[in-house]
Structures are given as C-alpha cells and as structure tokens.
PDB file of N, CA and C in Angstrom:
ATOM      1  N   MET A   1     -11.014  16.524  26.206  1.00  0.00           N
ATOM      2  CA  MET A   1     -12.099  17.775  25.651  1.00  0.00           C
ATOM      3  C   MET A   1     -11.286  18.575  24.693  1.00  0.00           C
ATOM      4  N   PRO A   2     -12.036  18.893  23.088  1.00  0.00           N
ATOM      5  CA  PRO A   2     -11.494  19.825  22.527  1.00  0.00           C
ATOM      6  C   PRO A   2     -11.692  21.382  22.629  1.00  0.00           C
ATOM      7  N   SER A   3     -10.696  21.860  22.152  1.00  0.00           N
ATOM      8  CA  SER A   3     -10.708  23.275  22.330  1.00  0.00           C
ATOM      9  C   SER A   3     -11.830  24.106  21.650  1.00  0.00           C
ATOM     10  N   LYS A   4     -12.275  25.078  22.007  1.00  0.00           N
ATOM     11  CA  LYS A   4     -13.411  25.964  20.674  1.00  0.00           C
ATOM     12  C   LYS A   4     -12.494  26.178  19.413  1.00  0.00           C
ATOM     13  N   GLU A   5     -11.438  26.619  19.625  1.00  0.00           N
ATOM     14  CA  GLU A   5     -10.793  26.590  18.053  1.00  0.00           C
ATOM     15  C   GLU A   5     -10.631  25.258  17.086  1.00  0.00           C
ATOM     16  N   GLN A   6     -10.214  23.924  17.882  1.00  0.00           N
ATOM     17  CA  GLN A   6     -10.489  23.069  17.065  1.00  0.00           C
ATOM     18  C   GLN A   6     -11.695  22.623  16.607  1.00  0.00           C
ATOM     19  N   MET A   7     -12.717  22.877  17.541  1.00  0.00           N
ATOM     20  CA  MET A   7     -14.333  22.781  17.161  1.00  0.00           C
ATOM     21  C   MET A   7     -14.587  23.667  16.210  1.00  0.00           C
ATOM     22  N   LYS A   8     -13.976  24.888  16.261  1.00  0.00           N
ATOM     23  CA  LYS A   8     -14.312  25.975  14.850  1.00  0.00           C
ATOM     24  C   LYS A   8     -13.919  25.348  13.749  1.00  0.00           C
ATOM     25  N   LEU A   9     -12.344  24.927  13.791  1.00  0.00           N
ATOM     26  CA  LEU A   9     -12.290  24.560  12.739  1.00  0.00           C
ATOM     27  C   LEU A   9     -12.303  23.259  12.060  1.00  0.00           C
ATOM     28  N   VAL A  10     -12.779  22.381  12.868  1.00  0.00           N
ATOM     29  CA  VAL A  10     -13.302  21.286  12.367  1.00  0.00           C
ATOM     30  C   VAL A  10     -14.795  21.414  11.536  1.00  0.00           C
ATOM     31  N   GLY A  11     -15.600  22.285  12.246  1.00  0.00           N
ATOM     32  CA  GLY A  11     -17.117  22.594  12.018  1.00  0.00           C
ATOM     33  C   GLY A  11     -17.165  23.321  10.792  1.00  0.00           C
ATOM     34  N   GLN A  12     -15.653  24.004  10.435  1.00  0.00           N
ATOM     35  CA  GLN A  12     -15.560  24.699   9.178  1.00  0.00           C
ATOM     36  C   GLN A  12     -15.347  24.109   7.804  1.00  0.00           C
ATOM     37  N   THR A  13     -14.839  22.689   8.353  1.00  0.00           N
ATOM     38  CA  THR A  13     -14.562  21.616   7.166  1.00  0.00           C
ATOM     39  C   THR A  13     -14.974  20.488   6.979  1.00  0.00           C
ATOM     40  N   CYS A  14     -15.811  20.108   7.843  1.00  0.00           N
ATOM     41  CA  CYS A  14     -16.266  18.706   8.102  1.00  0.00           C
ATOM     42  C   CYS A  14     -17.694  18.781   7.078  1.00  0.00           C
ATOM     43  N   SER A  15     -17.696  17.417   6.537  1.00  0.00           N
ATOM     44  CA  SER A  15     -18.188  17.029   5.258  1.00  0.00           C
ATOM     45  C   SER A  15     -19.894  16.884   5.901  1.00  0.00           C
ATOM     46  N   GLU A  16     -19.894  16.482   7.303  1.00  0.00           N
ATOM     47  CA  GLU A  16     -21.035  15.992   7.817  1.00  0.00           C
ATOM     48  C   GLU A  16     -22.143  16.883   8.707  1.00  0.00           C
ATOM     49  N   TYR A  17     -21.366  18.066   8.558  1.00  0.00           N
ATOM     50  CA  TYR A  17     -21.810  19.541   9.524  1.00  0.00           C
ATOM     51  C   TYR A  17     -23.562  19.646   9.109  1.00  0.00           C
ATOM     52  N   GLU A  18     -24.099  19.680   9.991  1.00  0.00           N
ATOM     53  CA  GLU A  18     -25.564  20.283  10.014  1.00  0.00           C
ATOM     54  C   GLU A  18     -25.833  21.673  11.202  1.00  0.00           C
ATOM     55  N   ARG A  19     -26.196  22.813  10.607  1.00  0.00           N
ATOM     56  CA  ARG A  19     -26.029  23.536  11.608  1.00  0.00           C
ATOM     57  C   ARG A  19     -27.427  23.414  12.269  1.00  0.00           C
ATOM     58  N   GLU A  20     -27.744  23.831  13.814  1.00  0.00           N
ATOM     59  CA  GLU A  20     -28.548  23.530  14.627  1.00  0.00           C
ATOM     60  C   GLU A  20     -29.416  25.034  14.351  1.00  0.00           C
ATOM     61  N   SER A  21     -28.681  26.112  14.180  1.00  0.00           N
ATOM     62  CA  SER A  21     -29.783  27.609  14.322  1.00  0.00           C
ATOM     63  C   SER A  21     -28.684  28.537  13.238  1.00  0.00           C
ATOM     64  N   GLU A  22     -29.857  29.068  12.348  1.00  0.00           N
ATOM     65  CA  GLU A  22     -29.140  29.908  11.469  1.00  0.00           C
ATOM     66  C   GLU A  22     -28.182  31.010  12.060  1.00  0.00           C
ATOM     67  N   GLU A  23     -28.083  31.526  12.948  1.00  0.00           N
ATOM     68  CA  GLU A  23     -27.393  32.539  13.844  1.00  0.00           C
ATOM     69  C   GLU A  23     -26.218  31.974  14.172  1.00  0.00           C
ATOM     70  N   ALA A  24     -26.171  30.890  14.387  1.00  0.00           N
ATOM     71  CA  ALA A  24     -25.086  30.045  14.966  1.00  0.00           C
ATOM     72  C   ALA A  24     -23.611  30.372  14.205  1.00  0.00           C
ATOM     73  N   GLU A  25     -22.640  30.831  14.760  1.00  0.00           N
ATOM     74  CA  GLU A  25     -21.338  30.535  13.843  1.00  0.00           C
ATOM     75  C   GLU A  25     -20.837  29.020  13.511  1.00  0.00           C
ATOM     76  N   ARG A  26     -20.515  28.421  12.426  1.00  0.00           N
ATOM     77  CA  ARG A  26     -20.082  27.544  11.968  1.00  0.00           C
ATOM     78  C   ARG A  26     -19.046  26.538  12.780  1.00  0.00           C
ATOM     79  N   SER A  27     -19.288  25.816  13.860  1.00  0.00           N
ATOM     80  CA  SER A  27     -18.554  25.313  14.606  1.00  0.00           C
ATOM     81  C   SER A  27     -18.767  23.620  15.158  1.00  0.00           C
ATOM     82  N   CYS A  28     -18.160  23.159  15.629  1.00  0.00           N
ATOM     83  CA  CYS A  28     -18.906  21.504  15.929  1.00  0.00           C
ATOM     84  C   CYS A  28     -20.194  21.877  17.293  1.00  0.00           C
ATOM     85  N   GLU A  29     -19.874  23.158  17.985  1.00  0.00           N
ATOM     86  CA  GLU A  29     -20.823  23.082  18.906  1.00  0.00           C
ATOM     87  C   GLU A  29     -22.289  23.269  18.503  1.00  0.00           C
ATOM     88  N   SER A  30     -22.112  24.151  17.017  1.00  0.00           N
ATOM     89  CA  SER A  30     -23.481  24.655  16.379  1.00  0.00           C
ATOM     90  C   SER A  30     -24.072  23.554  15.749  1.00  0.00           C
ATOM     91  N   CYS A  31     -23.678  22.226  15.300  1.00  0.00           N
ATOM     92  CA  CYS A  31     -23.845  21.128  14.688  1.00  0.00           C
ATOM     93  C   CYS A  31     -24.973  20.135  15.323  1.00  0.00           C
ATOM     94  N   ARG A  32     -25.877  19.648  14.431  1.00  0.00           N
ATOM     95  CA  ARG A  32     -26.600  18.773  15.350  1.00  0.00           C
ATOM     96  C   ARG A  32     -26.110  17.656  15.614  1.00  0.00           C
ATOM     97  N   HIS A  33     -25.119  17.080  15.250  1.00  0.00           N
ATOM     98  CA  HIS A  33     -24.209  15.933  15.787  1.00  0.00           C
ATOM     99  C   HIS A  33     -23.330  15.641  16.913  1.00  0.00           C
ATOM    100  N   TRP A  34     -23.102  17.197  17.321  1.00  0.00           N
ATOM    101  CA  TRP A  34     -22.496  17.222  18.736  1.00  0.00           C
ATOM    102  C   TRP A  34     -23.119  17.026  19.660  1.00  0.00           C
ATOM    103  N   ILE A  35     -22.663  16.342  20.704  1.00  0.00           N
ATOM    104  CA  ILE A  35     -23.376  16.295  21.935  1.00  0.00           C
ATOM    105  C   ILE A  35     -22.675  16.931  23.126  1.00  0.00           C
ATOM    106  N   GLY A  36     -23.184  18.169  23.625  1.00  0.00           N
ATOM    107  CA  GLY A  36     -22.515  18.810  24.198  1.00  0.00           C
ATOM    108  C   GLY A  36     -22.040  18.239  25.577  1.00  0.00           C
ATOM    109  N   GLU A  37     -22.961  17.646  26.250  1.00  0.00           N
ATOM    110  CA  GLU A  37     -22.560  17.092  27.712  1.00  0.00           C
ATOM    111  C   GLU A  37     -21.429  16.382  27.774  1.00  0.00           C
ATOM    112  N   GLN A  38     -21.578  15.652  26.477  1.00  0.00           N
ATOM    113  CA  GLN A  38     -20.688  14.601  26.447  1.00  0.00           C
ATOM    114  C   GLN A  38     -19.124  15.187  25.574  1.00  0.00           C
ATOM    115  N   SER A  39     -19.453  16.280  25.115  1.00  0.00           N
ATOM    116  CA  SER A  39     -18.264  16.990  24.403  1.00  0.00           C
ATOM    117  C   SER A  39     -17.628  15.822  23.277  1.00  0.00           C
ATOM    118  N   MET A  40     -18.484  15.267  22.172  1.00  0.00           N
ATOM    119  CA  MET A  40     -18.062  14.631  21.357  1.00  0.00           C
ATOM    120  C   MET A  40     -19.309  14.696  20.264  1.00  0.00           C
ATOM    121  N   CYS A  41     -18.682  14.154  19.048  1.00  0.00           N
ATOM    122  CA  CYS A  41     -19.383  13.888  17.822  1.00  0.00           C
ATOM    123  C   CYS A  41     -20.218  12.791  17.852  1.00  0.00           C
ATOM    124  N   GLU A  42     -21.691  12.696  17.183  1.00  0.00           N
ATOM    125  CA  GLU A  42     -22.625  11.299  17.725  1.00  0.00           C
ATOM    126  C   GLU A  42     -22.068  10.397  16.399  1.00  0.00           C
ATOM    127  N   LEU A  43     -21.022  11.214  15.469  1.00  0.00           N
ATOM    128  CA  LEU A  43     -20.969  10.412  14.624  1.00  0.00           C
ATOM    129  C   LEU A  43     -19.816   9.808  14.558  1.00  0.00           C
ATOM    130  N   ASP A  44     -18.931  10.245  15.709  1.00  0.00           N
ATOM    131  CA  ASP A  44     -17.635   9.710  16.099  1.00  0.00           C
ATOM    132  C   ASP A  44     -16.453  10.007  15.014  1.00  0.00           C
ATOM    133  N   ILE A  45     -16.357  11.385  14.338  1.00  0.00           N
ATOM    134  CA  ILE A  45     -15.532  11.510  13.192  1.00  0.00           C
ATOM    135  C   ILE A  45     -15.024  12.783  13.542  1.00  0.00           C
ATOM    136  N   PHE A  46     -15.130  13.417  14.804  1.00  0.00           N
ATOM    137  CA  PHE A  46     -14.276  14.363  15.241  1.00  0.00           C
ATOM    138  C   PHE A  46     -12.986  14.387  15.239  1.00  0.00           C
ATOM    139  N   ILE A  47     -12.267  13.419  15.642  1.00  0.00           N
ATOM    140  CA  ILE A  47     -10.677  12.931  15.727  1.00  0.00           C
ATOM    141  C   ILE A  47     -10.128  12.805  14.003  1.00  0.00           C
ATOM    142  N   GLU A  48     -11.144  12.019  13.232  1.00  0.00           N
ATOM    143  CA  GLU A  48     -10.673  11.941  11.962  1.00  0.00           C
ATOM    144  C   GLU A  48     -10.454  13.110  11.091  1.00  0.00           C
ATOM    145  N   GLN A  49     -11.811  14.078  11.416  1.00  0.00           N
ATOM    146  CA  GLN A  49     -11.765  15.432  10.643  1.00  0.00           C
ATOM    147  C   GLN A  49     -10.607  16.288  11.136  1.00  0.00           C
ATOM    148  N   LEU A  50     -10.540  16.414  12.476  1.00  0.00           N
ATOM    149  CA  LEU A  50      -9.143  16.990  13.182  1.00  0.00           C
ATOM    150  C   LEU A  50      -7.963  16.433  12.585  1.00  0.00           C
ATOM    151  N   THR A  51      -7.666  15.367  12.338  1.00  0.00           N
ATOM    152  CA  THR A  51      -6.428  14.661  11.836  1.00  0.00           C
ATOM    153  C   THR A  51      -6.238  15.108  10.274  1.00  0.00           C
ATOM    154  N   SER A  52      -7.094  15.181   9.652  1.00  0.00           N
ATOM    155  CA  SER A  52      -7.072  15.527   8.215  1.00  0.00           C
ATOM    156  C   SER A  52      -6.867  17.177   8.255  1.00  0.00           C
ATOM    157  N   LEU A  53      -7.291  17.994   9.035  1.00  0.00           N
ATOM    158  CA  LEU A  53      -6.672  19.133   9.232  1.00  0.00           C
ATOM    159  C   LEU A  53      -5.226  19.434   8.907  1.00  0.00           C
ATOM    160  N   ASP A  54      -4.520  18.530  10.012  1.00  0.00           N
ATOM    161  CA  ASP A  54      -3.291  18.404  10.298  1.00  0.00           C
ATOM    162  C   ASP A  54      -2.211  18.008   8.922  1.00  0.00           C
ATOM    163  N   GLN A  55      -2.830  17.509   8.066  1.00  0.00           N
ATOM    164  CA  GLN A  55      -2.183  17.012   6.670  1.00  0.00           C
ATOM    165  C   GLN A  55      -2.048  17.803   5.525  1.00  0.00           C
ATOM    166  N   THR A  56      -2.711  19.005   5.503  1.00  0.00           N
ATOM    167  CA  THR A  56      -2.648  20.013   4.466  1.00  0.00           C
ATOM    168  C   THR A  56      -1.586  20.652   4.659  1.00  0.00           C
TER     169      THR A  56
END
C-alpha cells in the first residue's frame, strides 16, 4: 500500500488526475480513478507516475 506522502506527490503531478471534490487536497485519494478499498489506481499508472518522480 502506498504511503499518504506518495499518493500526495503522485496526485500533484499526475496527468490523468481528476478531482472528485473541490474541497479535497490534490492526492490520489481525492482522484476519481483511485479505488480506495483496493488502494490502487484504476488506470494502473500509479507505479509509473511514482517512478517518474524519482528520475527528476
């Protein structure tokens, strides 16, 4: 399971991010593609996005 910090970092840079709620902080948790009970992105791009952050 990804940490809250990882989800926040990926959410801030993800090109596919779509906010579910206007009040929510930008994070994978607030993205409509995030499946909370499974702790994964339905687009299956979380690991790819996280890895790209490490290459900067």
